[in-house]
Amino acid sequence: MTNMNKVTVDDSFWELFPDAQVNILYVDGIDNHDSEKNLAERKKLLSEATKEADKFLTNETFRLNPVIDQWRKAYQQFKKKKGARSSVEALLKRANQGRKFEPIDPLVDVYNSISLSYGVPVGMEDRDHIVGDMHLGQVDGGQAFQPVGADEDEPTLPGEVCYYDEKGAVCRCLNWRDGQRTMLTPDSKNVVAVIESVNEEQTKRANEAMEELSKLITKYFGVKPSQVFHLTKDNPDAVVPKN
């Protein structure tokens, strides 16, 4: 069982992004094994979400679309690995190129569809592999991190903004790259979902997105997630509810 008690957003994050909000959702007891039963439905979910993404892609010059531009400016506020971009940019880029999203696994499909539909970065981690509490903040660098799909450690940079725990980084450069240690797998049961927003308009979409994610989790996995926590500089902690 998970030993994580809470998510804390550090002062160093709010110093960079005073108007930001970080939405947190906890879910327990999920069965994330692939299921033929809802495969067709998940394909449809991703297909509809790709169409929804069109509303964020109104400028022919990809980088000038507001969602892309705002996140690129946010990423200029801290030290990052070359080429690091918000996860929502990667998804919108694929949609912009007319590429089709195929199902990956139930949870990833559900949260990718939310990210595309609402134009927000969505991340999800396996809480059973987080050591101690999870933080989001600017780090001194050198936190251990093995990216998904990589063979070697790629530690964090000094001044980078990332999610981290007692053992190292969990997700680098806000919601850019997940680590192998805490990534979702078919065996993931207890998870934490995160959505960041850096201005008021993004926050409105992030709030709607997290409510919809909560509903889809209940629909596809038959479990009821926690309340949605809205973390701000005046309220920077989300404690895992005790069942």
Protein backbone atom coordinates (compact mmCIF):
# COMPACT_ATOMS: atom_id res chain seq x y z
CA MET A 1 0.00 0.00 0.00
CA THR A 2 1.14 3.51 -0.72
CA ASN A 3 3.11 5.44 1.90
CA MET A 4 2.41 8.80 0.29
CA ASN A 5 0.41 11.13 2.53
CA LYS A 6 0.15 14.29 0.46
CA VAL A 7 1.18 16.45 -2.48
CA THR A 8 2.86 19.74 -1.55
CA VAL A 9 3.59 22.54 -3.99
CA ASP A 10 6.72 24.30 -2.72
CA ASP A 11 7.17 28.06 -2.26
CA SER A 12 9.77 27.99 -5.06
CA PHE A 13 7.00 27.12 -7.54
CA TRP A 14 4.69 29.93 -6.41
CA GLU A 15 7.57 32.43 -6.63
CA LEU A 16 7.79 31.64 -10.36
CA PHE A 17 4.05 31.24 -10.97
CA PRO A 18 2.10 33.23 -8.34
CA ASP A 19 -1.22 32.96 -10.25
CA ALA A 20 -0.92 29.25 -10.94
CA GLN A 21 -3.17 26.48 -9.70
CA VAL A 22 -2.39 22.78 -9.44
CA ASN A 23 -5.36 20.39 -9.42
CA ILE A 24 -4.92 17.05 -7.67
CA LEU A 25 -7.14 13.94 -7.74
CA TYR A 26 -6.54 10.68 -5.86
CA VAL A 27 -7.94 7.34 -6.99
CA ASP A 28 -7.73 4.00 -5.16
CA GLY A 29 -8.44 0.44 -6.25
CA ILE A 30 -8.24 0.78 -10.03
CA ASP A 31 -7.84 -2.22 -12.35
CA ASN A 32 -5.76 -0.83 -15.22
CA HIS A 33 -5.35 -4.04 -17.21
CA ASP A 34 -6.27 -3.67 -20.86
CA SER A 35 -9.80 -4.74 -21.58
CA GLU A 36 -11.28 -5.73 -24.92
CA LYS A 37 -14.63 -4.84 -23.41
CA ASN A 38 -14.08 -1.09 -23.67
CA LEU A 39 -11.41 -0.97 -26.38
CA ALA A 40 -13.82 0.27 -29.08
CA GLU A 41 -15.18 2.87 -26.67
CA ARG A 42 -11.68 4.11 -25.81
CA LYS A 43 -10.83 4.41 -29.53
CA LYS A 44 -13.97 6.51 -29.95
CA LEU A 45 -13.04 8.62 -26.90
CA LEU A 46 -9.60 9.40 -28.37
CA SER A 47 -11.04 10.09 -31.81
CA GLU A 48 -13.64 12.55 -30.45
CA ALA A 49 -11.02 14.23 -28.25
CA THR A 50 -8.76 14.72 -31.28
CA LYS A 51 -11.61 16.58 -33.02
CA GLU A 52 -12.21 18.65 -29.86
CA ALA A 53 -8.54 19.66 -29.90
CA ASP A 54 -9.18 21.62 -33.11
CA LYS A 55 -10.53 24.53 -31.07
CA PHE A 56 -7.02 25.08 -29.63
CA LEU A 57 -5.42 24.97 -33.08
CA THR A 58 -6.88 27.99 -34.84
CA ASN A 59 -3.57 29.55 -35.94
CA GLU A 60 -1.78 27.98 -38.89
CA THR A 61 1.53 28.69 -37.15
CA PHE A 62 1.46 26.03 -34.44
CA ARG A 63 3.56 27.91 -31.86
CA LEU A 64 1.27 30.97 -32.04
CA ASN A 65 -1.77 29.09 -30.76
CA PRO A 66 -2.46 30.48 -27.24
CA VAL A 67 -2.18 27.14 -25.39
CA ILE A 68 1.21 26.46 -27.00
CA ASP A 69 2.49 30.02 -26.60
CA GLN A 70 1.48 30.27 -22.93
CA TRP A 71 3.19 27.02 -21.98
CA ARG A 72 6.34 27.83 -23.93
CA LYS A 73 6.56 31.14 -22.05
CA ALA A 74 6.00 29.32 -18.75
CA TYR A 75 8.84 26.92 -19.59
CA GLN A 76 11.15 29.89 -20.17
CA GLN A 77 10.82 30.72 -16.46
CA PHE A 78 13.06 27.85 -15.31
CA LYS A 79 16.05 25.75 -16.30
CA LYS A 80 14.99 22.83 -18.47
CA LYS A 81 16.38 20.10 -20.64
CA LYS A 82 16.71 21.13 -24.29
CA GLY A 83 13.47 20.50 -26.14
CA ALA A 84 11.36 20.08 -22.98
CA ARG A 85 7.76 21.09 -23.64
CA SER A 86 4.49 20.73 -21.80
CA SER A 87 2.81 17.36 -22.39
CA VAL A 88 -0.24 19.12 -23.82
CA GLU A 89 1.95 20.57 -26.60
CA ALA A 90 3.12 17.09 -27.63
CA LEU A 91 -0.49 15.86 -27.86
CA LEU A 92 -1.75 18.94 -29.71
CA LYS A 93 1.16 18.70 -32.14
CA ARG A 94 0.12 15.17 -33.09
CA ALA A 95 -3.50 16.28 -33.48
CA ASN A 96 -2.34 19.24 -35.59
CA GLN A 97 -0.45 16.83 -37.88
CA GLY A 98 -3.61 14.80 -38.37
CA ARG A 99 -2.19 11.76 -36.60
CA LYS A 100 -4.48 9.19 -35.05
CA PHE A 101 -4.29 8.26 -31.36
CA GLU A 102 -4.40 4.52 -30.77
CA PRO A 103 -5.30 3.08 -27.34
CA ILE A 104 -2.28 2.58 -25.02
CA ASP A 105 -3.83 1.47 -21.74
CA PRO A 106 -7.14 2.36 -20.07
CA LEU A 107 -5.92 5.11 -17.72
CA VAL A 108 -3.57 6.72 -20.25
CA ASP A 109 -6.31 6.72 -22.90
CA VAL A 110 -8.74 8.39 -20.51
CA TYR A 111 -6.35 11.12 -19.41
CA ASN A 112 -4.98 11.76 -22.92
CA SER A 113 -8.55 12.28 -24.13
CA ILE A 114 -9.09 14.84 -21.33
CA SER A 115 -5.84 16.63 -22.19
CA LEU A 116 -6.83 16.93 -25.87
CA SER A 117 -10.44 17.96 -25.17
CA TYR A 118 -9.58 20.67 -22.63
CA GLY A 119 -6.13 21.77 -23.81
CA VAL A 120 -4.51 21.12 -20.43
CA PRO A 121 -1.48 19.05 -19.38
CA VAL A 122 -2.60 15.95 -17.44
CA GLY A 123 -0.23 13.67 -15.59
CA MET A 124 -0.77 10.53 -13.55
CA GLU A 125 1.57 8.61 -11.26
CA ASP A 126 1.45 5.29 -9.44
CA ARG A 127 1.29 6.26 -5.75
CA ASP A 128 2.52 2.84 -4.60
CA HIS A 129 5.93 3.67 -6.08
CA ILE A 130 6.23 7.17 -4.64
CA VAL A 131 8.54 7.27 -1.61
CA GLY A 132 7.28 9.67 1.05
CA ASP A 133 5.26 12.69 -0.08
CA MET A 134 5.27 14.12 -3.61
CA HIS A 135 6.41 17.72 -4.10
CA LEU A 136 6.33 20.13 -7.01
CA GLY A 137 9.01 22.79 -6.96
CA GLN A 138 12.26 24.19 -8.20
CA VAL A 139 15.10 21.80 -7.32
CA ASP A 140 18.84 22.14 -6.67
CA GLY A 141 19.51 19.49 -9.33
CA GLY A 142 20.96 16.00 -9.22
CA GLN A 143 17.70 14.21 -8.34
CA ALA A 144 17.85 10.66 -9.72
CA PHE A 145 15.57 10.12 -12.71
CA GLN A 146 15.30 7.36 -15.29
CA PRO A 147 12.92 8.45 -18.06
CA VAL A 148 10.32 6.06 -19.44
CA GLY A 149 11.98 4.04 -22.18
CA ALA A 150 15.57 5.01 -21.23
CA ASP A 151 18.36 2.76 -19.93
CA GLU A 152 20.34 5.38 -18.05
CA ASP A 153 19.78 7.88 -15.26
CA GLU A 154 19.15 11.49 -16.38
CA PRO A 155 19.30 13.56 -13.18
CA THR A 156 17.50 16.88 -12.82
CA LEU A 157 19.16 20.23 -13.57
CA PRO A 158 19.74 22.97 -10.97
CA GLY A 159 16.75 25.32 -11.11
CA GLU A 160 14.47 22.88 -12.91
CA VAL A 161 10.81 22.65 -11.87
CA CYS A 162 9.75 19.05 -11.32
CA TYR A 163 7.69 16.65 -9.26
CA TYR A 164 9.90 14.79 -6.80
CA ASP A 165 9.85 12.56 -3.72
CA GLU A 166 12.43 11.24 -1.22
CA LYS A 167 13.99 8.96 -3.82
CA GLY A 168 14.37 11.40 -6.73
CA ALA A 169 12.38 13.04 -9.51
CA VAL A 170 8.94 11.71 -10.40
CA CYS A 171 8.15 13.84 -13.47
CA ARG A 172 10.58 16.36 -14.96
CA CYS A 173 9.99 19.90 -16.21
CA LEU A 174 6.45 20.19 -14.82
CA ASN A 175 4.48 17.67 -16.88
CA TRP A 176 7.04 16.85 -19.57
CA ARG A 177 8.64 13.47 -18.95
CA ASP A 178 7.60 10.64 -16.62
CA GLY A 179 10.04 8.41 -14.79
CA GLN A 180 10.02 4.61 -15.03
CA ARG A 181 9.83 4.22 -11.25
CA THR A 182 6.39 5.83 -10.83
CA MET A 183 4.88 5.44 -14.31
CA LEU A 184 1.48 3.81 -14.80
CA THR A 185 1.49 0.10 -15.59
CA PRO A 186 -1.31 -2.47 -15.99
CA ASP A 187 -0.75 -3.30 -12.29
CA SER A 188 -1.21 0.29 -11.04
CA LYS A 189 -4.01 0.40 -8.45
CA ASN A 190 -3.62 3.63 -6.48
CA VAL A 191 -2.84 6.77 -8.48
CA VAL A 192 -2.55 10.54 -8.28
CA ALA A 193 -3.62 12.77 -11.18
CA VAL A 194 -2.31 16.31 -11.67
CA ILE A 195 -3.24 19.22 -13.93
CA GLU A 196 -1.29 22.49 -13.81
CA SER A 197 -2.53 25.87 -14.99
CA VAL A 198 -0.62 29.16 -15.00
CA ASN A 199 -3.39 31.72 -15.64
CA GLU A 200 -7.09 32.25 -14.99
CA GLU A 201 -8.32 31.03 -18.37
CA GLN A 202 -6.27 27.83 -18.08
CA THR A 203 -7.52 27.33 -14.51
CA LYS A 204 -11.15 27.39 -15.65
CA ARG A 205 -10.43 24.68 -18.23
CA ALA A 206 -8.34 22.70 -15.74
CA ASN A 207 -11.22 22.67 -13.23
CA GLU A 208 -13.67 21.41 -15.88
CA ALA A 209 -11.09 18.88 -17.10
CA MET A 210 -10.50 17.37 -13.65
CA GLU A 211 -14.24 17.04 -12.97
CA GLU A 212 -14.65 15.25 -16.31
CA LEU A 213 -11.64 13.02 -15.59
CA SER A 214 -13.24 12.05 -12.29
CA LYS A 215 -16.48 11.08 -14.08
CA LEU A 216 -14.65 9.04 -16.74
CA ILE A 217 -12.67 7.17 -14.08
CA THR A 218 -15.92 6.19 -12.37
CA LYS A 219 -17.40 5.16 -15.73
CA TYR A 220 -14.45 3.04 -16.91
CA PHE A 221 -13.09 1.68 -13.64
CA GLY A 222 -16.14 1.60 -11.38
CA VAL A 223 -14.42 3.47 -8.53
CA LYS A 224 -15.12 6.88 -7.06
CA PRO A 225 -12.12 9.23 -6.98
CA SER A 226 -11.44 11.67 -4.15
CA GLN A 227 -12.63 15.26 -4.23
CA VAL A 228 -10.63 17.53 -6.53
CA PHE A 229 -8.02 19.57 -4.66
CA HIS A 230 -7.22 23.04 -6.04
CA LEU A 231 -3.75 23.99 -4.81
CA THR A 232 -2.75 27.66 -4.73
CA LYS A 233 -0.01 29.61 -2.97
CA ASP A 234 -2.39 30.08 0.00
CA ASN A 235 -3.39 26.42 0.02
CA PRO A 236 -0.40 24.36 -1.18
CA ASP A 237 -1.17 20.87 0.22
CA ALA A 238 -3.49 18.02 -0.82
CA VAL A 239 -3.66 15.31 1.85
CA VAL A 240 -4.61 11.81 0.68
CA PRO A 241 -8.06 11.04 2.16
CA LYS A 242 -8.13 8.13 4.60
CA ASN A 243 -10.75 5.56 3.66
